Amino acid sequence: MEDQQHHHIIPLKVYFSVIALLLVLTAITVAAAQVNFGPWNTVIAMAIASIKAGFVLAFFMHLKYDNKLYVAVFGTALFFLIVLYLFSWLDTVTRIGVNSIL
């Protein structure tokens, strides 16, 4: 049986566009770090970082053009990572405070 997979050639223009977008998002990250958004600082920083990670995954790691099974595997791993963080956060916020005598 012949190999049915074909490599997708991404034009150099796409790579340069993505790198330019990543640099703009990095500048936005630096600018956002100079502003005090209160409790939203972490949320904004993580949102920008997630967008940048999405572009890196899609174009530089070729998930956009590759077999969709790889996207499903990555999504499953990301889901379980979020569940792990959620359980850790729930454990932390539901603890009963203990007054130490030290």
PDB file of N, CA and C in Angstrom:
ATOM      1  N   MET A   1       0.829  -1.175   0.000  1.00  0.00           N
ATOM      2  CA  MET A   1       0.000   0.000   0.000  1.00  0.00           C
ATOM      3  C   MET A   1       0.881   1.248   0.000  1.00  0.00           C
ATOM      4  N   GLU A   2       0.475   2.230  -0.791  1.00  0.00           N
ATOM      5  CA  GLU A   2       1.249   3.462  -0.866  1.00  0.00           C
ATOM      6  C   GLU A   2       0.988   4.345   0.330  1.00  0.00           C
ATOM      7  N   ASP A   3       1.979   5.140   0.655  1.00  0.00           N
ATOM      8  CA  ASP A   3       1.828   6.103   1.746  1.00  0.00           C
ATOM      9  C   ASP A   3       0.896   7.225   1.288  1.00  0.00           C
ATOM     10  N   GLN A   4      -0.211   7.412   1.988  1.00  0.00           N
ATOM     11  CA  GLN A   4      -1.222   8.380   1.591  1.00  0.00           C
ATOM     12  C   GLN A   4      -0.972   9.775   2.159  1.00  0.00           C
ATOM     13  N   GLN A   5      -0.024   9.917   3.045  1.00  0.00           N
ATOM     14  CA  GLN A   5       0.208  11.221   3.658  1.00  0.00           C
ATOM     15  C   GLN A   5       1.014  12.119   2.746  1.00  0.00           C
ATOM     16  N   HIS A   6       0.588  13.366   2.687  1.00  0.00           N
ATOM     17  CA  HIS A   6       1.304  14.373   1.929  1.00  0.00           C
ATOM     18  C   HIS A   6       1.731  15.473   2.880  1.00  0.00           C
ATOM     19  N   HIS A   7       2.919  15.971   2.681  1.00  0.00           N
ATOM     20  CA  HIS A   7       3.390  17.064   3.514  1.00  0.00           C
ATOM     21  C   HIS A   7       2.807  18.369   2.999  1.00  0.00           C
ATOM     22  N   HIS A   8       2.361  19.177   3.930  1.00  0.00           N
ATOM     23  CA  HIS A   8       1.812  20.469   3.552  1.00  0.00           C
ATOM     24  C   HIS A   8       2.927  21.505   3.595  1.00  0.00           C
ATOM     25  N   ILE A   9       3.131  22.183   2.499  1.00  0.00           N
ATOM     26  CA  ILE A   9       4.152  23.220   2.416  1.00  0.00           C
ATOM     27  C   ILE A   9       3.503  24.555   2.769  1.00  0.00           C
ATOM     28  N   ILE A  10       3.982  25.159   3.815  1.00  0.00           N
ATOM     29  CA  ILE A  10       3.461  26.463   4.232  1.00  0.00           C
ATOM     30  C   ILE A  10       4.348  27.538   3.622  1.00  0.00           C
ATOM     31  N   PRO A  11       3.741  28.506   2.943  1.00  0.00           N
ATOM     32  CA  PRO A  11       4.554  29.578   2.350  1.00  0.00           C
ATOM     33  C   PRO A  11       5.303  30.378   3.418  1.00  0.00           C
ATOM     34  N   LEU A  12       6.458  30.884   3.030  1.00  0.00           N
ATOM     35  CA  LEU A  12       7.282  31.666   3.949  1.00  0.00           C
ATOM     36  C   LEU A  12       6.543  32.914   4.445  1.00  0.00           C
ATOM     37  N   LYS A  13       5.667  33.453   3.609  1.00  0.00           N
ATOM     38  CA  LYS A  13       4.885  34.640   3.987  1.00  0.00           C
ATOM     39  C   LYS A  13       4.034  34.362   5.235  1.00  0.00           C
ATOM     40  N   VAL A  14       3.490  33.151   5.337  1.00  0.00           N
ATOM     41  CA  VAL A  14       2.665  32.788   6.495  1.00  0.00           C
ATOM     42  C   VAL A  14       3.524  32.771   7.760  1.00  0.00           C
ATOM     43  N   TYR A  15       4.711  32.195   7.661  1.00  0.00           N
ATOM     44  CA  TYR A  15       5.605  32.164   8.821  1.00  0.00           C
ATOM     45  C   TYR A  15       5.970  33.582   9.278  1.00  0.00           C
ATOM     46  N   PHE A  16       6.280  34.441   8.334  1.00  0.00           N
ATOM     47  CA  PHE A  16       6.627  35.817   8.692  1.00  0.00           C
ATOM     48  C   PHE A  16       5.423  36.564   9.275  1.00  0.00           C
ATOM     49  N   SER A  17       4.239  36.294   8.761  1.00  0.00           N
ATOM     50  CA  SER A  17       3.032  36.923   9.308  1.00  0.00           C
ATOM     51  C   SER A  17       2.774  36.467  10.744  1.00  0.00           C
ATOM     52  N   VAL A  18       2.955  35.183  10.976  1.00  0.00           N
ATOM     53  CA  VAL A  18       2.724  34.654  12.326  1.00  0.00           C
ATOM     54  C   VAL A  18       3.772  35.196  13.288  1.00  0.00           C
ATOM     55  N   ILE A  19       5.032  35.256  12.873  1.00  0.00           N
ATOM     56  CA  ILE A  19       6.079  35.768  13.761  1.00  0.00           C
ATOM     57  C   ILE A  19       5.828  37.244  14.058  1.00  0.00           C
ATOM     58  N   ALA A  20       5.345  38.001  13.063  1.00  0.00           N
ATOM     59  CA  ALA A  20       5.022  39.413  13.292  1.00  0.00           C
ATOM     60  C   ALA A  20       3.866  39.537  14.276  1.00  0.00           C
ATOM     61  N   LEU A  21       2.863  38.691  14.136  1.00  0.00           N
ATOM     62  CA  LEU A  21       1.740  38.696  15.070  1.00  0.00           C
ATOM     63  C   LEU A  21       2.191  38.332  16.482  1.00  0.00           C
ATOM     64  N   LEU A  22       3.084  37.357  16.600  1.00  0.00           N
ATOM     65  CA  LEU A  22       3.602  36.980  17.914  1.00  0.00           C
ATOM     66  C   LEU A  22       4.384  38.128  18.552  1.00  0.00           C
ATOM     67  N   LEU A  23       5.140  38.868  17.748  1.00  0.00           N
ATOM     68  CA  LEU A  23       5.873  40.021  18.275  1.00  0.00           C
ATOM     69  C   LEU A  23       4.917  41.126  18.725  1.00  0.00           C
ATOM     70  N   VAL A  24       3.847  41.344  17.967  1.00  0.00           N
ATOM     71  CA  VAL A  24       2.845  42.340  18.373  1.00  0.00           C
ATOM     72  C   VAL A  24       2.175  41.911  19.677  1.00  0.00           C
ATOM     73  N   LEU A  25       1.828  40.641  19.778  1.00  0.00           N
ATOM     74  CA  LEU A  25       1.212  40.151  21.015  1.00  0.00           C
ATOM     75  C   LEU A  25       2.179  40.228  22.194  1.00  0.00           C
ATOM     76  N   THR A  26       3.467  40.036  21.942  1.00  0.00           N
ATOM     77  CA  THR A  26       4.459  40.203  23.006  1.00  0.00           C
ATOM     78  C   THR A  26       4.514  41.651  23.462  1.00  0.00           C
ATOM     79  N   ALA A  27       4.443  42.595  22.511  1.00  0.00           N
ATOM     80  CA  ALA A  27       4.416  44.012  22.878  1.00  0.00           C
ATOM     81  C   ALA A  27       3.154  44.345  23.675  1.00  0.00           C
ATOM     82  N   ILE A  28       2.033  43.735  23.297  1.00  0.00           N
ATOM     83  CA  ILE A  28       0.795  43.943  24.058  1.00  0.00           C
ATOM     84  C   ILE A  28       0.938  43.377  25.467  1.00  0.00           C
ATOM     85  N   THR A  29       1.599  42.241  25.596  1.00  0.00           N
ATOM     86  CA  THR A  29       1.834  41.649  26.915  1.00  0.00           C
ATOM     87  C   THR A  29       2.662  42.582  27.789  1.00  0.00           C
ATOM     88  N   VAL A  30       3.720  43.136  27.226  1.00  0.00           N
ATOM     89  CA  VAL A  30       4.577  44.059  27.973  1.00  0.00           C
ATOM     90  C   VAL A  30       3.789  45.313  28.358  1.00  0.00           C
ATOM     91  N   ALA A  31       2.990  45.841  27.430  1.00  0.00           N
ATOM     92  CA  ALA A  31       2.186  47.029  27.732  1.00  0.00           C
ATOM     93  C   ALA A  31       1.142  46.726  28.797  1.00  0.00           C
ATOM     94  N   ALA A  32       0.529  45.552  28.734  1.00  0.00           N
ATOM     95  CA  ALA A  32      -0.479  45.187  29.729  1.00  0.00           C
ATOM     96  C   ALA A  32       0.143  44.993  31.109  1.00  0.00           C
ATOM     97  N   ALA A  33       1.403  44.591  31.149  1.00  0.00           N
ATOM     98  CA  ALA A  33       2.076  44.398  32.438  1.00  0.00           C
ATOM     99  C   ALA A  33       2.338  45.728  33.143  1.00  0.00           C
ATOM    100  N   GLN A  34       2.342  46.821  32.382  1.00  0.00           N
ATOM    101  CA  GLN A  34       2.592  48.138  32.974  1.00  0.00           C
ATOM    102  C   GLN A  34       1.327  48.750  33.566  1.00  0.00           C
ATOM    103  N   VAL A  35       0.162  48.159  33.273  1.00  0.00           N
ATOM    104  CA  VAL A  35      -1.120  48.677  33.749  1.00  0.00           C
ATOM    105  C   VAL A  35      -1.634  47.761  34.849  1.00  0.00           C
ATOM    106  N   ASN A  36      -2.171  48.365  35.905  1.00  0.00           N
ATOM    107  CA  ASN A  36      -2.712  47.573  37.000  1.00  0.00           C
ATOM    108  C   ASN A  36      -4.189  47.299  36.736  1.00  0.00           C
ATOM    109  N   PHE A  37      -4.507  46.061  36.404  1.00  0.00           N
ATOM    110  CA  PHE A  37      -5.883  45.647  36.174  1.00  0.00           C
ATOM    111  C   PHE A  37      -6.479  44.985  37.406  1.00  0.00           C
ATOM    112  N   GLY A  38      -5.788  45.074  38.515  1.00  0.00           N
ATOM    113  CA  GLY A  38      -6.280  44.469  39.754  1.00  0.00           C
ATOM    114  C   GLY A  38      -6.237  42.951  39.665  1.00  0.00           C
ATOM    115  N   PRO A  39      -7.334  42.313  40.046  1.00  0.00           N
ATOM    116  CA  PRO A  39      -7.352  40.844  40.013  1.00  0.00           C
ATOM    117  C   PRO A  39      -7.360  40.265  38.606  1.00  0.00           C
ATOM    118  N   TRP A  40      -7.529  41.096  37.586  1.00  0.00           N
ATOM    119  CA  TRP A  40      -7.571  40.629  36.206  1.00  0.00           C
ATOM    120  C   TRP A  40      -6.187  40.548  35.564  1.00  0.00           C
ATOM    121  N   ASN A  41      -5.129  40.947  36.266  1.00  0.00           N
ATOM    122  CA  ASN A  41      -3.775  40.910  35.708  1.00  0.00           C
ATOM    123  C   ASN A  41      -3.413  39.522  35.182  1.00  0.00           C
ATOM    124  N   THR A  42      -3.616  38.523  36.010  1.00  0.00           N
ATOM    125  CA  THR A  42      -3.255  37.157  35.630  1.00  0.00           C
ATOM    126  C   THR A  42      -4.131  36.651  34.495  1.00  0.00           C
ATOM    127  N   VAL A  43      -5.412  36.957  34.550  1.00  0.00           N
ATOM    128  CA  VAL A  43      -6.339  36.492  33.512  1.00  0.00           C
ATOM    129  C   VAL A  43      -5.951  37.077  32.154  1.00  0.00           C
ATOM    130  N   ILE A  44      -5.642  38.364  32.117  1.00  0.00           N
ATOM    131  CA  ILE A  44      -5.260  39.014  30.862  1.00  0.00           C
ATOM    132  C   ILE A  44      -3.946  38.453  30.338  1.00  0.00           C
ATOM    133  N   ALA A  45      -2.976  38.289  31.218  1.00  0.00           N
ATOM    134  CA  ALA A  45      -1.683  37.741  30.801  1.00  0.00           C
ATOM    135  C   ALA A  45      -1.836  36.316  30.273  1.00  0.00           C
ATOM    136  N   MET A  46      -2.643  35.497  30.942  1.00  0.00           N
ATOM    137  CA  MET A  46      -2.847  34.119  30.485  1.00  0.00           C
ATOM    138  C   MET A  46      -3.627  34.072  29.180  1.00  0.00           C
ATOM    139  N   ALA A  47      -4.550  34.996  28.975  1.00  0.00           N
ATOM    140  CA  ALA A  47      -5.313  35.033  27.722  1.00  0.00           C
ATOM    141  C   ALA A  47      -4.390  35.356  26.546  1.00  0.00           C
ATOM    142  N   ILE A  48      -3.537  36.351  26.717  1.00  0.00           N
ATOM    143  CA  ILE A  48      -2.602  36.714  25.649  1.00  0.00           C
ATOM    144  C   ILE A  48      -1.628  35.561  25.395  1.00  0.00           C
ATOM    145  N   ALA A  49      -1.135  34.947  26.452  1.00  0.00           N
ATOM    146  CA  ALA A  49      -0.212  33.820  26.299  1.00  0.00           C
ATOM    147  C   ALA A  49      -0.893  32.634  25.616  1.00  0.00           C
ATOM    148  N   SER A  50      -2.161  32.418  25.899  1.00  0.00           N
ATOM    149  CA  SER A  50      -2.890  31.314  25.268  1.00  0.00           C
ATOM    150  C   SER A  50      -3.085  31.563  23.775  1.00  0.00           C
ATOM    151  N   ILE A  51      -3.360  32.796  23.412  1.00  0.00           N
ATOM    152  CA  ILE A  51      -3.489  33.139  21.996  1.00  0.00           C
ATOM    153  C   ILE A  51      -2.161  32.901  21.276  1.00  0.00           C
ATOM    154  N   LYS A  52      -1.068  33.340  21.899  1.00  0.00           N
ATOM    155  CA  LYS A  52       0.249  33.122  21.293  1.00  0.00           C
ATOM    156  C   LYS A  52       0.556  31.630  21.178  1.00  0.00           C
ATOM    157  N   ALA A  53       0.234  30.868  22.200  1.00  0.00           N
ATOM    158  CA  ALA A  53       0.471  29.420  22.162  1.00  0.00           C
ATOM    159  C   ALA A  53      -0.358  28.763  21.060  1.00  0.00           C
ATOM    160  N   GLY A  54      -1.576  29.249  20.861  1.00  0.00           N
ATOM    161  CA  GLY A  54      -2.421  28.708  19.800  1.00  0.00           C
ATOM    162  C   GLY A  54      -1.813  28.906  18.425  1.00  0.00           C
ATOM    163  N   PHE A  55      -1.240  30.095  18.182  1.00  0.00           N
ATOM    164  CA  PHE A  55      -0.598  30.340  16.890  1.00  0.00           C
ATOM    165  C   PHE A  55       0.648  29.476  16.717  1.00  0.00           C
ATOM    166  N   VAL A  56       1.415  29.311  17.774  1.00  0.00           N
ATOM    167  CA  VAL A  56       2.606  28.452  17.686  1.00  0.00           C
ATOM    168  C   VAL A  56       2.197  27.010  17.401  1.00  0.00           C
ATOM    169  N   LEU A  57       1.183  26.529  18.104  1.00  0.00           N
ATOM    170  CA  LEU A  57       0.712  25.157  17.874  1.00  0.00           C
ATOM    171  C   LEU A  57       0.168  24.978  16.454  1.00  0.00           C
ATOM    172  N   ALA A  58      -0.616  25.937  16.000  1.00  0.00           N
ATOM    173  CA  ALA A  58      -1.263  25.786  14.701  1.00  0.00           C
ATOM    174  C   ALA A  58      -0.274  25.859  13.543  1.00  0.00           C
ATOM    175  N   PHE A  59       0.657  26.809  13.582  1.00  0.00           N
ATOM    176  CA  PHE A  59       1.504  27.030  12.413  1.00  0.00           C
ATOM    177  C   PHE A  59       2.904  26.426  12.544  1.00  0.00           C
ATOM    178  N   PHE A  60       3.580  26.659  13.671  1.00  0.00           N
ATOM    179  CA  PHE A  60       4.946  26.157  13.789  1.00  0.00           C
ATOM    180  C   PHE A  60       4.988  24.670  14.109  1.00  0.00           C
ATOM    181  N   MET A  61       3.968  24.170  14.796  1.00  0.00           N
ATOM    182  CA  MET A  61       3.900  22.735  15.076  1.00  0.00           C
ATOM    183  C   MET A  61       2.965  22.020  14.096  1.00  0.00           C
ATOM    184  N   HIS A  62       2.443  22.749  13.124  1.00  0.00           N
ATOM    185  CA  HIS A  62       1.664  22.221  11.999  1.00  0.00           C
ATOM    186  C   HIS A  62       0.386  21.506  12.409  1.00  0.00           C
ATOM    187  N   LEU A  63      -0.197  21.830  13.560  1.00  0.00           N
ATOM    188  CA  LEU A  63      -1.439  21.174  13.947  1.00  0.00           C
ATOM    189  C   LEU A  63      -2.607  21.593  13.058  1.00  0.00           C
ATOM    190  N   LYS A  64      -2.521  22.756  12.466  1.00  0.00           N
ATOM    191  CA  LYS A  64      -3.602  23.219  11.596  1.00  0.00           C
ATOM    192  C   LYS A  64      -3.724  22.344  10.354  1.00  0.00           C
ATOM    193  N   TYR A  65      -2.611  21.847   9.845  1.00  0.00           N
ATOM    194  CA  TYR A  65      -2.624  21.105   8.594  1.00  0.00           C
ATOM    195  C   TYR A  65      -2.432  19.602   8.777  1.00  0.00           C
ATOM    196  N   ASP A  66      -2.189  19.171  10.001  1.00  0.00           N
ATOM    197  CA  ASP A  66      -1.875  17.763  10.240  1.00  0.00           C
ATOM    198  C   ASP A  66      -3.149  16.965  10.504  1.00  0.00           C
ATOM    199  N   ASN A  67      -2.957  15.699  10.780  1.00  0.00           N
ATOM    200  CA  ASN A  67      -4.049  14.788  11.099  1.00  0.00           C
ATOM    201  C   ASN A  67      -4.813  15.329  12.312  1.00  0.00           C
ATOM    202  N   LYS A  68      -6.134  15.337  12.235  1.00  0.00           N
ATOM    203  CA  LYS A  68      -6.962  15.897  13.316  1.00  0.00           C
ATOM    204  C   LYS A  68      -6.892  15.051  14.592  1.00  0.00           C
ATOM    205  N   LEU A  69      -6.391  13.844  14.484  1.00  0.00           N
ATOM    206  CA  LEU A  69      -6.210  13.026  15.680  1.00  0.00           C
ATOM    207  C   LEU A  69      -5.213  13.679  16.631  1.00  0.00           C
ATOM    208  N   TYR A  70      -4.192  14.338  16.081  1.00  0.00           N
ATOM    209  CA  TYR A  70      -3.206  15.017  16.920  1.00  0.00           C
ATOM    210  C   TYR A  70      -3.840  16.171  17.690  1.00  0.00           C
ATOM    211  N   VAL A  71      -4.762  16.868  17.053  1.00  0.00           N
ATOM    212  CA  VAL A  71      -5.482  17.956  17.734  1.00  0.00           C
ATOM    213  C   VAL A  71      -6.325  17.374  18.865  1.00  0.00           C
ATOM    214  N   ALA A  72      -6.958  16.227  18.623  1.00  0.00           N
ATOM    215  CA  ALA A  72      -7.772  15.581  19.654  1.00  0.00           C
ATOM    216  C   ALA A  72      -6.909  15.128  20.829  1.00  0.00           C
ATOM    217  N   VAL A  73      -5.745  14.577  20.545  1.00  0.00           N
ATOM    218  CA  VAL A  73      -4.839  14.144  21.615  1.00  0.00           C
ATOM    219  C   VAL A  73      -4.369  15.348  22.429  1.00  0.00           C
ATOM    220  N   PHE A  74      -3.999  16.425  21.751  1.00  0.00           N
ATOM    221  CA  PHE A  74      -3.575  17.637  22.454  1.00  0.00           C
ATOM    222  C   PHE A  74      -4.717  18.209  23.280  1.00  0.00           C
ATOM    223  N   GLY A  75      -5.914  18.240  22.711  1.00  0.00           N
ATOM    224  CA  GLY A  75      -7.076  18.753  23.446  1.00  0.00           C
ATOM    225  C   GLY A  75      -7.391  17.924  24.675  1.00  0.00           C
ATOM    226  N   THR A  76      -7.263  16.602  24.558  1.00  0.00           N
ATOM    227  CA  THR A  76      -7.497  15.724  25.711  1.00  0.00           C
ATOM    228  C   THR A  76      -6.478  15.989  26.812  1.00  0.00           C
ATOM    229  N   ALA A  77      -5.223  16.136  26.439  1.00  0.00           N
ATOM    230  CA  ALA A  77      -4.183  16.434  27.434  1.00  0.00           C
ATOM    231  C   ALA A  77      -4.441  17.776  28.093  1.00  0.00           C
ATOM    232  N   LEU A  78      -4.847  18.763  27.313  1.00  0.00           N
ATOM    233  CA  LEU A  78      -5.161  20.088  27.865  1.00  0.00           C
ATOM    234  C   LEU A  78      -6.361  20.019  28.802  1.00  0.00           C
ATOM    235  N   PHE A  79      -7.371  19.237  28.433  1.00  0.00           N
ATOM    236  CA  PHE A  79      -8.543  19.063  29.290  1.00  0.00           C
ATOM    237  C   PHE A  79      -8.144  18.491  30.653  1.00  0.00           C
ATOM    238  N   PHE A  80      -7.333  17.447  30.659  1.00  0.00           N
ATOM    239  CA  PHE A  80      -6.942  16.839  31.926  1.00  0.00           C
ATOM    240  C   PHE A  80      -6.020  17.747  32.733  1.00  0.00           C
ATOM    241  N   LEU A  81      -5.232  18.581  32.072  1.00  0.00           N
ATOM    242  CA  LEU A  81      -4.430  19.568  32.788  1.00  0.00           C
ATOM    243  C   LEU A  81      -5.330  20.570  33.493  1.00  0.00           C
ATOM    244  N   ILE A  82      -6.367  21.023  32.818  1.00  0.00           N
ATOM    245  CA  ILE A  82      -7.317  21.954  33.431  1.00  0.00           C
ATOM    246  C   ILE A  82      -8.035  21.301  34.605  1.00  0.00           C
ATOM    247  N   VAL A  83      -8.422  20.028  34.448  1.00  0.00           N
ATOM    248  CA  VAL A  83      -9.067  19.309  35.549  1.00  0.00           C
ATOM    249  C   VAL A  83      -8.124  19.204  36.745  1.00  0.00           C
ATOM    250  N   LEU A  84      -6.840  18.918  36.495  1.00  0.00           N
ATOM    251  CA  LEU A  84      -5.861  18.839  37.575  1.00  0.00           C
ATOM    252  C   LEU A  84      -5.755  20.167  38.322  1.00  0.00           C
ATOM    253  N   TYR A  85      -5.664  21.264  37.569  1.00  0.00           N
ATOM    254  CA  TYR A  85      -5.604  22.578  38.211  1.00  0.00           C
ATOM    255  C   TYR A  85      -6.886  22.894  38.972  1.00  0.00           C
ATOM    256  N   LEU A  86      -8.027  22.513  38.409  1.00  0.00           N
ATOM    257  CA  LEU A  86      -9.301  22.774  39.072  1.00  0.00           C
ATOM    258  C   LEU A  86      -9.386  22.038  40.401  1.00  0.00           C
ATOM    259  N   PHE A  87      -9.002  20.772  40.410  1.00  0.00           N
ATOM    260  CA  PHE A  87      -9.031  20.012  41.664  1.00  0.00           C
ATOM    261  C   PHE A  87      -8.053  20.583  42.689  1.00  0.00           C
ATOM    262  N   SER A  88      -6.886  21.018  42.236  1.00  0.00           N
ATOM    263  CA  SER A  88      -5.921  21.628  43.161  1.00  0.00           C
ATOM    264  C   SER A  88      -6.474  22.930  43.733  1.00  0.00           C
ATOM    265  N   TRP A  89      -7.107  23.724  42.869  1.00  0.00           N
ATOM    266  CA  TRP A  89      -7.701  24.981  43.329  1.00  0.00           C
ATOM    267  C   TRP A  89      -8.837  24.708  44.315  1.00  0.00           C
ATOM    268  N   LEU A  90      -9.705  23.724  44.020  1.00  0.00           N
ATOM    269  CA  LEU A  90     -10.787  23.383  44.934  1.00  0.00           C
ATOM    270  C   LEU A  90     -10.262  22.901  46.276  1.00  0.00           C
ATOM    271  N   ASP A  91      -9.181  22.136  46.264  1.00  0.00           N
ATOM    272  CA  ASP A  91      -8.589  21.672  47.506  1.00  0.00           C
ATOM    273  C   ASP A  91      -8.093  22.851  48.341  1.00  0.00           C
ATOM    274  N   THR A  92      -7.510  23.820  47.674  1.00  0.00           N
ATOM    275  CA  THR A  92      -6.963  24.971  48.393  1.00  0.00           C
ATOM    276  C   THR A  92      -8.068  25.851  48.984  1.00  0.00           C
ATOM    277  N   VAL A  93      -9.119  26.119  48.229  1.00  0.00           N
ATOM    278  CA  VAL A  93     -10.138  27.055  48.707  1.00  0.00           C
ATOM    279  C   VAL A  93     -11.131  26.431  49.660  1.00  0.00           C
ATOM    280  N   THR A  94     -11.161  25.110  49.755  1.00  0.00           N
ATOM    281  CA  THR A  94     -12.141  24.478  50.655  1.00  0.00           C
ATOM    282  C   THR A  94     -11.516  23.990  51.959  1.00  0.00           C
ATOM    283  N   ARG A  95     -10.270  24.332  52.186  1.00  0.00           N
ATOM    284  CA  ARG A  95      -9.641  23.904  53.444  1.00  0.00           C
ATOM    285  C   ARG A  95     -10.149  24.723  54.612  1.00  0.00           C
ATOM    286  N   ILE A  96     -10.223  24.084  55.751  1.00  0.00           N
ATOM    287  CA  ILE A  96     -10.625  24.763  56.968  1.00  0.00           C
ATOM    288  C   ILE A  96      -9.395  25.384  57.591  1.00  0.00           C
ATOM    289  N   GLY A  97      -9.488  26.658  57.913  1.00  0.00           N
ATOM    290  CA  GLY A  97      -8.345  27.333  58.512  1.00  0.00           C
ATOM    291  C   GLY A  97      -8.048  26.801  59.908  1.00  0.00           C
ATOM    292  N   VAL A  98      -6.783  26.607  60.188  1.00  0.00           N
ATOM    293  CA  VAL A  98      -6.354  26.118  61.490  1.00  0.00           C
ATOM    294  C   VAL A  98      -5.510  27.221  62.134  1.00  0.00           C
ATOM    295  N   ASN A  99      -5.872  27.574  63.333  1.00  0.00           N
ATOM    296  CA  ASN A  99      -5.103  28.578  64.054  1.00  0.00           C
ATOM    297  C   ASN A  99      -3.902  27.930  64.706  1.00  0.00           C
ATOM    298  N   SER A 100      -2.736  28.362  64.310  1.00  0.00           N
ATOM    299  CA  SER A 100      -1.507  27.806  64.841  1.00  0.00           C
ATOM    300  C   SER A 100      -1.133  28.520  66.137  1.00  0.00           C
ATOM    301  N   ILE A 101      -0.549  27.783  67.051  1.00  0.00           N
ATOM    302  CA  ILE A 101      -0.112  28.385  68.308  1.00  0.00           C
ATOM    303  C   ILE A 101       1.346  28.811  68.236  1.00  0.00           C
ATOM    304  N   LEU A 102       1.984  28.599  67.095  1.00  0.00           N
ATOM    305  CA  LEU A 102       3.392  28.960  66.953  1.00  0.00           C
ATOM    306  C   LEU A 102       3.578  30.411  66.699  1.00  0.00           C
TER     307      LEU A 102
END
